[in-house]
N, C-alpha and C. Protein backbone atom coordinates (compact mmCIF):
# COMPACT_ATOMS: atom_id res chain seq x y z
N UNK A 1 0.81 -1.12 -0.01
CA UNK A 1 -0.02 -0.01 0.09
C UNK A 1 0.96 1.23 -0.03
N UNK A 2 0.59 2.21 -0.98
CA UNK A 2 1.33 3.37 -1.12
C UNK A 2 1.41 4.13 0.26
N UNK A 3 0.23 4.19 0.96
CA UNK A 3 0.03 4.93 2.15
C UNK A 3 1.05 4.42 3.26
N UNK A 4 1.18 3.11 3.38
CA UNK A 4 2.03 2.45 4.32
C UNK A 4 3.39 2.86 4.03
N UNK A 5 3.81 2.87 2.80
CA UNK A 5 5.34 3.12 2.38
C UNK A 5 5.58 4.56 2.90
N UNK A 6 4.60 5.49 2.73
CA UNK A 6 4.81 6.86 3.07
C UNK A 6 4.66 7.16 4.52
N UNK A 7 4.22 6.19 5.36
CA UNK A 7 3.91 6.23 6.62
C UNK A 7 2.68 7.12 7.01
N UNK A 8 1.82 7.28 5.98
CA UNK A 8 0.58 7.94 6.20
C UNK A 8 -0.63 7.09 6.66
N UNK A 9 -1.49 7.64 7.42
CA UNK A 9 -2.71 6.83 7.71
C UNK A 9 -3.61 6.64 6.61
N UNK A 10 -4.43 5.65 6.57
CA UNK A 10 -5.26 5.54 5.38
C UNK A 10 -6.25 6.79 5.24
N UNK A 11 -6.70 7.27 6.33
CA UNK A 11 -7.64 8.33 6.31
C UNK A 11 -6.88 9.58 5.70
N UNK A 12 -5.61 9.82 6.10
CA UNK A 12 -4.89 10.85 5.56
C UNK A 12 -4.76 10.72 4.08
N UNK A 13 -4.46 9.49 3.66
CA UNK A 13 -4.38 9.29 2.07
C UNK A 13 -5.80 9.68 1.50
N UNK A 14 -6.88 9.15 2.11
CA UNK A 14 -8.11 9.41 1.44
C UNK A 14 -8.47 10.99 1.38
N UNK A 15 -8.03 11.65 2.51
CA UNK A 15 -8.25 13.03 2.58
C UNK A 15 -7.44 13.73 1.43
N UNK A 16 -6.19 13.32 1.20
CA UNK A 16 -5.36 13.91 0.20
C UNK A 16 -5.89 13.59 -1.16
N UNK A 17 -6.40 12.33 -1.36
CA UNK A 17 -6.87 12.11 -2.52
C UNK A 17 -8.14 12.85 -2.97
N UNK A 18 -9.06 12.99 -2.00
CA UNK A 18 -10.24 13.96 -2.23
C UNK A 18 -9.83 15.33 -2.52
N UNK A 19 -8.95 15.79 -1.76
CA UNK A 19 -8.48 17.18 -2.02
C UNK A 19 -7.91 17.37 -3.48
N UNK A 20 -7.05 16.34 -3.80
CA UNK A 20 -6.47 16.45 -5.14
C UNK A 20 -7.61 16.46 -6.26
N UNK A 21 -8.60 15.50 -6.09
CA UNK A 21 -9.68 15.41 -7.01
C UNK A 21 -10.35 16.80 -7.06
N UNK A 22 -10.71 17.33 -5.92
CA UNK A 22 -11.31 18.59 -5.94
C UNK A 22 -10.72 19.66 -6.72
N UNK A 23 -9.30 19.76 -6.58
CA UNK A 23 -8.51 20.65 -7.14
C UNK A 23 -8.55 20.46 -8.64
N UNK A 24 -8.49 19.15 -9.12
CA UNK A 24 -8.58 19.01 -10.48
C UNK A 24 -9.89 19.31 -10.98
N UNK A 25 -10.99 19.01 -10.32
CA UNK A 25 -12.35 19.47 -10.79
C UNK A 25 -12.41 20.95 -10.98
N UNK A 26 -11.79 21.71 -10.02
CA UNK A 26 -11.76 23.25 -10.21
C UNK A 26 -11.02 23.60 -11.49
N UNK A 27 -9.91 23.00 -11.68
CA UNK A 27 -9.11 23.35 -12.89
C UNK A 27 -9.89 22.94 -14.20
N UNK A 28 -10.56 21.91 -14.17
CA UNK A 28 -11.29 21.43 -15.39
C UNK A 28 -12.51 22.45 -15.54
N UNK A 29 -13.20 22.79 -14.52
CA UNK A 29 -14.36 23.63 -14.57
C UNK A 29 -13.85 25.07 -15.12
N UNK A 30 -12.67 25.52 -14.68
CA UNK A 30 -12.16 26.76 -15.23
C UNK A 30 -11.99 26.78 -16.72
N UNK A 31 -11.75 25.64 -17.39
CA UNK A 31 -11.53 25.46 -18.78
C UNK A 31 -12.79 25.14 -19.57
N UNK A 32 -13.77 24.70 -18.77
CA UNK A 32 -15.02 24.39 -19.50
C UNK A 32 -16.08 25.37 -19.45
N UNK A 33 -16.90 25.51 -20.46
CA UNK A 33 -17.93 26.56 -20.53
C UNK A 33 -18.98 26.26 -19.31
N UNK A 34 -19.57 27.15 -18.86
CA UNK A 34 -20.67 27.03 -17.73
C UNK A 34 -21.56 25.96 -18.13
N UNK A 35 -21.89 24.99 -17.22
CA UNK A 35 -22.82 24.04 -17.47
C UNK A 35 -22.18 22.80 -18.19
N UNK A 36 -20.86 22.98 -18.41
CA UNK A 36 -20.20 21.71 -19.06
C UNK A 36 -19.69 20.99 -17.93
């Protein structure tokens, strides 16, 4: 498990993953027309 290798708890990994996904969504929305 990647989280174990990095010494991170599973919840921390999940939080980071969610945060990253949210950031990606914001970036995508910035490039998409409204409603896209």
